Amino acid sequence: MGVNGEINVVSLIDVMMLLMIIFMITAPMMQGGVDISLPTAQVQPLEPKSGLVVTLDKDGRIFVDKTSLTFAEFEGSIKALSDKKGGGGVYLSADQRVPYGQVVRVVAAMKARGITEVGLVAEPEEKR
């Protein structure tokens, strides 16, 4: 009786398919960020720059990147966080249900701390 010199790859294919399914399911969950509904406007996409992302969710909570801060913490640390990120400006993403007064309050706090480059993030309108 001879030695079988073939490699049985059926079990390897099964494992590979199982891993592929696991990655397909978990990859969208790993996309980070704060869940908000951005307002729409006639905007053009900009070149991505390195900058700090400040987010206001529908409940009015403030997030810097993905870290939740109170307004007092935000006021005290926004300048240092912006400088640490490289001073490339700040991008403000606010849920469309957030009252305008809260958005103005956050922008005013940034301006008072010397941050002059503040970009407001919006979704482009769909062409009809």
Protein backbone atom coordinates (compact mmCIF):
# COMPACT_ATOMS: atom_id res chain seq x y z
CA MET A 1 0.00 0.00 0.00
CA GLY A 2 1.37 3.42 -1.01
CA VAL A 3 1.49 6.68 0.87
CA ASN A 4 -1.12 9.27 -0.11
CA GLY A 5 0.82 12.39 -1.14
CA GLU A 6 -2.19 14.69 -1.62
CA ILE A 7 -3.24 17.43 0.74
CA ASN A 8 -6.88 17.38 1.76
CA VAL A 9 -7.98 21.01 1.50
CA VAL A 10 -11.71 20.51 2.02
CA SER A 11 -11.47 21.12 5.77
CA LEU A 12 -9.24 24.18 5.17
CA ILE A 13 -11.82 25.63 2.79
CA ASP A 14 -14.55 25.10 5.41
CA VAL A 15 -12.53 26.97 8.02
CA MET A 16 -11.72 29.77 5.55
CA MET A 17 -15.40 30.19 4.61
CA LEU A 18 -16.41 30.27 8.28
CA LEU A 19 -13.81 32.96 9.04
CA MET A 20 -14.92 34.98 6.02
CA ILE A 21 -18.54 34.93 7.22
CA ILE A 22 -17.47 35.97 10.74
CA PHE A 23 -15.45 38.91 9.35
CA MET A 24 -18.29 39.97 7.05
CA ILE A 25 -20.66 40.13 10.01
CA THR A 26 -18.31 41.83 12.47
CA ALA A 27 -16.61 44.36 10.15
CA PRO A 28 -19.58 46.78 9.99
CA MET A 29 -19.87 46.65 13.79
CA MET A 30 -16.26 47.78 14.15
CA GLN A 31 -16.91 51.00 12.24
CA GLY A 32 -16.68 53.49 15.07
CA GLY A 33 -18.22 56.84 15.72
CA VAL A 34 -21.24 58.36 17.32
CA ASP A 35 -24.58 57.54 15.73
CA ILE A 36 -26.11 60.80 14.50
CA SER A 37 -28.35 61.94 11.66
CA LEU A 38 -26.53 64.75 9.86
CA PRO A 39 -28.48 67.54 8.18
CA THR A 40 -28.38 67.68 4.39
CA ALA A 41 -27.14 70.61 2.34
CA GLN A 42 -25.67 71.38 -1.07
CA VAL A 43 -22.09 70.64 -0.11
CA GLN A 44 -19.03 69.42 -1.97
CA PRO A 45 -16.84 66.72 -0.45
CA LEU A 46 -13.58 68.07 0.94
CA GLU A 47 -10.17 66.48 0.96
CA PRO A 48 -9.78 64.58 4.22
CA LYS A 49 -7.49 66.40 6.62
CA SER A 50 -6.23 65.48 10.01
CA GLY A 51 -8.40 67.30 12.46
CA LEU A 52 -10.38 66.85 15.61
CA VAL A 53 -13.98 65.63 15.29
CA VAL A 54 -16.47 67.09 17.76
CA THR A 55 -19.92 65.48 17.71
CA LEU A 56 -23.21 66.56 19.27
CA ASP A 57 -25.69 63.68 19.40
CA LYS A 58 -29.48 63.98 19.43
CA ASP A 59 -29.48 64.21 23.26
CA GLY A 60 -27.04 67.13 23.21
CA ARG A 61 -24.09 65.13 24.55
CA ILE A 62 -20.65 66.25 23.38
CA PHE A 63 -18.14 63.74 22.01
CA VAL A 64 -14.56 64.53 21.08
CA ASP A 65 -13.63 61.82 18.62
CA LYS A 66 -15.44 59.00 20.50
CA THR A 67 -14.99 60.23 24.09
CA SER A 68 -18.01 61.71 25.85
CA LEU A 69 -17.38 64.99 27.71
CA THR A 70 -19.50 67.36 29.75
CA PHE A 71 -19.63 70.96 28.54
CA ALA A 72 -17.28 72.08 31.33
CA GLU A 73 -14.77 69.35 30.43
CA PHE A 74 -15.11 70.27 26.77
CA GLU A 75 -14.41 73.96 27.45
CA GLY A 76 -11.36 73.14 29.55
CA SER A 77 -9.77 70.65 27.19
CA ILE A 78 -10.74 71.55 23.61
CA LYS A 79 -7.69 73.72 22.91
CA ALA A 80 -5.24 71.12 24.24
CA LEU A 81 -7.00 68.32 22.32
CA SER A 82 -6.95 70.35 19.11
CA ASP A 83 -3.25 71.16 19.50
CA LYS A 84 -2.49 67.51 20.27
CA LYS A 85 -4.26 66.44 17.07
CA GLY A 86 -2.01 68.71 15.05
CA GLY A 87 -4.03 71.89 14.91
CA GLY A 88 -5.63 70.89 11.60
CA GLY A 89 -8.93 72.44 12.54
CA VAL A 90 -12.04 71.06 14.16
CA TYR A 91 -14.94 69.36 12.38
CA LEU A 92 -18.28 69.77 14.13
CA SER A 93 -20.88 67.08 13.42
CA ALA A 94 -24.23 67.85 15.00
CA ASP A 95 -27.36 65.75 14.75
CA GLN A 96 -30.06 67.62 12.86
CA ARG A 97 -32.36 67.38 15.92
CA VAL A 98 -29.95 69.27 18.20
CA PRO A 99 -31.23 72.77 19.01
CA TYR A 100 -29.34 75.54 17.23
CA GLY A 101 -28.49 77.15 20.57
CA GLN A 102 -26.41 74.17 21.65
CA VAL A 103 -24.45 74.19 18.39
CA VAL A 104 -23.74 77.91 18.81
CA ARG A 105 -22.67 77.36 22.41
CA VAL A 106 -20.12 74.71 21.36
CA VAL A 107 -18.80 76.85 18.47
CA ALA A 108 -18.51 79.87 20.78
CA ALA A 109 -16.54 77.82 23.32
CA MET A 110 -14.10 76.78 20.58
CA LYS A 111 -13.74 80.33 19.27
CA ALA A 112 -13.15 81.64 22.81
CA ARG A 113 -10.26 79.17 23.17
CA GLY A 114 -8.59 80.41 19.96
CA ILE A 115 -9.77 77.70 17.56
CA THR A 116 -10.52 79.60 14.36
CA GLU A 117 -10.86 76.76 11.86
CA VAL A 118 -14.21 75.12 12.57
CA GLY A 119 -15.91 73.15 9.82
CA LEU A 120 -19.55 72.11 9.99
CA VAL A 121 -20.18 68.60 8.66
CA ALA A 122 -23.28 67.84 6.56
CA GLU A 123 -24.51 65.13 4.22
CA PRO A 124 -24.78 66.06 0.53
CA GLU A 125 -28.31 66.41 -0.79
CA GLU A 126 -29.48 63.73 -3.17
CA LYS A 127 -29.88 64.91 -6.74
CA ARG A 128 -33.44 64.61 -7.97
